[in-house]
Amino acid sequence: MKLTVEHLTPDAFAPFGEVISIATARDSYPINLGTTTRFHDISRVDVADEGGAPIISIFRGTPRPKPIEIKMMERHPLGSQAFMPLSGQKFLIVVASGTDDPKPENLRAFLSDGMQGVTYAKNVWHHPLLVLEEDSDFLIVDRSGPGNNLNEVDLPLVDGEVITLDWA
């Protein structure tokens, strides 16, 4: 099964979380004596369940061999997780609708333009980081704290084949 990659837009991604970009700011206004524009309230952080606290990390990803195989998915039941590229690099996003184990027919794939990040809503199935360039750094906002905040599942084969990504 080849999964077609879609352009990342706020409307298309809404069932899975929020797109992070200046275009998705709920407000913007000048600050610092007019020398800076604040793009305000772009994405919400939802990590307080079971005593969680927000943390900021940097993940450094490396590309996977092509064709990119989608063999597993993960989710975080106690908190949202945001990914923002730090150097304008494009990256791929694979998500699945539904709250039970993800099914191949419920997968969707998106391509960030490099100026967009994403916030996965809590409990949304997603593939781990899929970078397209070497040494791709991402700012991550997610949850630290007690409780099990990670579920991982292996995806079944489709007609005896691993799911792969199809994009130009």
Protein backbone atom coordinates (compact mmCIF):
# COMPACT_ATOMS: atom_id res chain seq x y z
CA MET A 1 0.00 0.00 0.00
CA LYS A 2 1.36 3.41 -0.96
CA LEU A 3 0.21 6.30 1.20
CA THR A 4 -0.17 9.56 -0.73
CA VAL A 5 1.32 12.62 0.96
CA GLU A 6 -0.94 15.68 1.25
CA HIS A 7 -0.03 19.35 1.63
CA LEU A 8 -0.16 20.31 5.32
CA THR A 9 -3.01 22.75 5.97
CA PRO A 10 -4.75 23.70 9.23
CA ASP A 11 -8.10 22.36 7.99
CA ALA A 12 -6.73 19.03 6.74
CA PHE A 13 -4.73 18.47 9.95
CA ALA A 14 -7.46 19.64 12.40
CA PRO A 15 -8.67 16.11 13.32
CA PHE A 16 -5.16 15.32 14.59
CA GLY A 17 -4.06 18.56 16.26
CA GLU A 18 -2.85 21.97 15.14
CA VAL A 19 -0.47 23.32 12.50
CA ILE A 20 2.19 25.62 13.94
CA SER A 21 2.94 28.63 11.73
CA ILE A 22 2.57 32.39 11.80
CA ALA A 23 -0.53 31.92 9.63
CA THR A 24 -2.26 29.97 12.45
CA ALA A 25 -1.69 32.60 15.18
CA ARG A 26 -4.93 33.53 16.91
CA ASP A 27 -3.62 37.12 17.18
CA SER A 28 -0.56 39.16 16.27
CA TYR A 29 0.69 42.52 17.46
CA PRO A 30 3.86 44.59 17.76
CA ILE A 31 5.96 44.42 20.95
CA ASN A 32 9.40 45.62 22.08
CA LEU A 33 8.88 49.22 20.98
CA GLY A 34 7.61 48.04 17.60
CA THR A 35 10.74 46.09 16.66
CA THR A 36 9.15 42.64 17.00
CA THR A 37 5.86 41.09 15.95
CA ARG A 38 4.38 38.59 18.38
CA PHE A 39 2.39 35.84 16.65
CA HIS A 40 0.29 34.94 19.66
CA ASP A 41 -1.41 31.71 20.72
CA ILE A 42 -0.46 29.55 17.76
CA SER A 43 -0.95 26.17 19.44
CA ARG A 44 -2.13 24.93 22.82
CA VAL A 45 -0.05 22.74 25.14
CA ASP A 46 -2.17 20.02 26.77
CA VAL A 47 0.00 18.07 29.24
CA ALA A 48 -1.49 18.49 32.74
CA ASP A 49 -3.18 15.05 33.02
CA GLU A 50 -1.91 13.02 36.00
CA GLY A 51 0.45 15.77 37.17
CA GLY A 52 2.32 16.34 33.91
CA ALA A 53 4.35 19.48 33.20
CA PRO A 54 5.39 21.02 29.87
CA ILE A 55 9.00 20.59 28.78
CA ILE A 56 11.02 21.82 25.78
CA SER A 57 13.52 19.52 24.06
CA ILE A 58 15.43 19.36 20.80
CA PHE A 59 15.27 16.20 18.70
CA ARG A 60 17.86 15.63 15.94
CA GLY A 61 16.54 13.33 13.24
CA THR A 62 18.18 11.61 10.30
CA PRO A 63 16.44 10.43 7.12
CA ARG A 64 15.17 6.88 6.81
CA PRO A 65 16.00 4.74 3.77
CA LYS A 66 13.69 5.13 0.77
CA PRO A 67 11.06 4.09 0.19
CA ILE A 68 10.03 5.22 3.65
CA GLU A 69 8.24 2.33 5.35
CA ILE A 70 5.44 2.96 7.82
CA LYS A 71 5.64 -0.05 10.13
CA MET A 72 4.54 1.34 13.49
CA MET A 73 2.66 4.18 15.12
CA GLU A 74 2.72 5.76 18.56
CA ARG A 75 0.52 8.01 20.66
CA HIS A 76 0.74 9.96 23.91
CA PRO A 77 -2.47 9.54 25.96
CA LEU A 78 -1.55 12.08 28.66
CA GLY A 79 -0.33 15.01 26.63
CA SER A 80 0.04 16.82 23.34
CA GLN A 81 3.38 16.87 21.51
CA ALA A 82 4.60 19.69 19.26
CA PHE A 83 7.32 19.53 16.58
CA MET A 84 8.80 22.67 15.00
CA PRO A 85 11.69 22.51 12.52
CA LEU A 86 14.56 24.79 13.55
CA SER A 87 16.21 25.31 10.16
CA GLY A 88 13.30 25.54 7.74
CA GLN A 89 13.61 21.91 6.67
CA LYS A 90 10.63 20.05 5.21
CA PHE A 91 9.47 16.92 7.01
CA LEU A 92 6.78 14.27 6.68
CA ILE A 93 3.91 13.67 9.08
CA VAL A 94 1.89 10.44 9.25
CA VAL A 95 -1.20 10.26 11.47
CA ALA A 96 -4.20 7.97 11.90
CA SER A 97 -7.76 8.77 12.81
CA GLY A 98 -9.55 6.88 15.57
CA THR A 99 -8.58 6.09 19.14
CA ASP A 100 -8.29 2.30 18.89
CA ASP A 101 -5.33 0.63 17.23
CA PRO A 102 -4.56 2.49 13.99
CA LYS A 103 -5.65 0.82 10.76
CA PRO A 104 -3.84 1.27 7.41
CA GLU A 105 -6.99 2.64 5.77
CA ASN A 106 -7.16 5.42 8.41
CA LEU A 107 -3.63 6.72 7.79
CA ARG A 108 -3.00 10.18 6.36
CA ALA A 109 0.34 11.70 5.43
CA PHE A 110 1.31 15.38 5.16
CA LEU A 111 4.37 17.33 4.02
CA SER A 112 5.41 20.39 6.02
CA ASP A 113 6.79 23.25 3.94
CA GLY A 114 9.59 23.72 6.48
CA MET A 115 8.01 26.81 8.02
CA GLN A 116 5.20 24.76 9.58
CA GLY A 117 5.30 22.56 12.62
CA VAL A 118 2.55 20.43 14.15
CA THR A 119 1.07 19.80 17.56
CA TYR A 120 -0.33 16.30 17.86
CA ALA A 121 -3.36 16.34 20.14
CA LYS A 122 -3.14 13.89 23.02
CA ASN A 123 -4.09 10.34 22.06
CA VAL A 124 -3.52 10.92 18.31
CA TRP A 125 -1.69 8.07 16.59
CA HIS A 126 1.36 9.34 14.69
CA HIS A 127 4.57 8.00 13.22
CA PRO A 128 7.84 8.99 14.88
CA LEU A 129 9.79 11.85 13.31
CA LEU A 130 10.26 11.54 9.52
CA VAL A 131 12.97 13.91 8.35
CA LEU A 132 14.09 14.46 4.76
CA GLU A 133 17.48 16.12 5.36
CA GLU A 134 20.54 15.11 7.38
CA ASP A 135 20.86 16.42 10.94
CA SER A 136 17.40 17.95 11.12
CA ASP A 137 16.79 19.63 14.47
CA PHE A 138 13.30 20.16 15.87
CA LEU A 139 12.08 22.06 18.90
CA ILE A 140 9.75 19.76 20.83
CA VAL A 141 7.18 20.80 23.42
CA ASP A 142 5.70 17.84 25.25
CA ARG A 143 5.03 16.31 28.65
CA SER A 144 7.18 15.20 31.53
CA GLY A 145 5.75 13.56 34.61
CA PRO A 146 4.28 10.41 36.09
CA GLY A 147 2.09 7.96 34.23
CA ASN A 148 2.38 5.98 31.02
CA ASN A 149 2.40 8.54 28.21
CA LEU A 150 3.51 6.30 25.33
CA ASN A 151 1.67 3.58 23.42
CA GLU A 152 3.31 1.93 20.40
CA VAL A 153 1.81 -0.53 17.93
CA ASP A 154 3.11 -2.36 14.88
CA LEU A 155 1.04 -1.90 11.73
CA PRO A 156 -0.16 -4.95 9.79
CA LEU A 157 1.02 -5.69 6.28
CA VAL A 158 -1.37 -4.77 3.46
CA ASP A 159 -1.62 -7.52 0.83
CA GLY A 160 1.64 -8.89 2.21
CA GLU A 161 3.45 -5.56 1.80
CA VAL A 162 4.71 -2.87 4.17
CA ILE A 163 3.00 0.54 3.83
CA THR A 164 5.24 3.06 2.08
CA LEU A 165 5.00 6.81 1.42
CA ASP A 166 4.35 8.08 -2.09
CA TRP A 167 5.35 11.68 -2.77
CA ALA A 168 7.13 13.72 -5.40
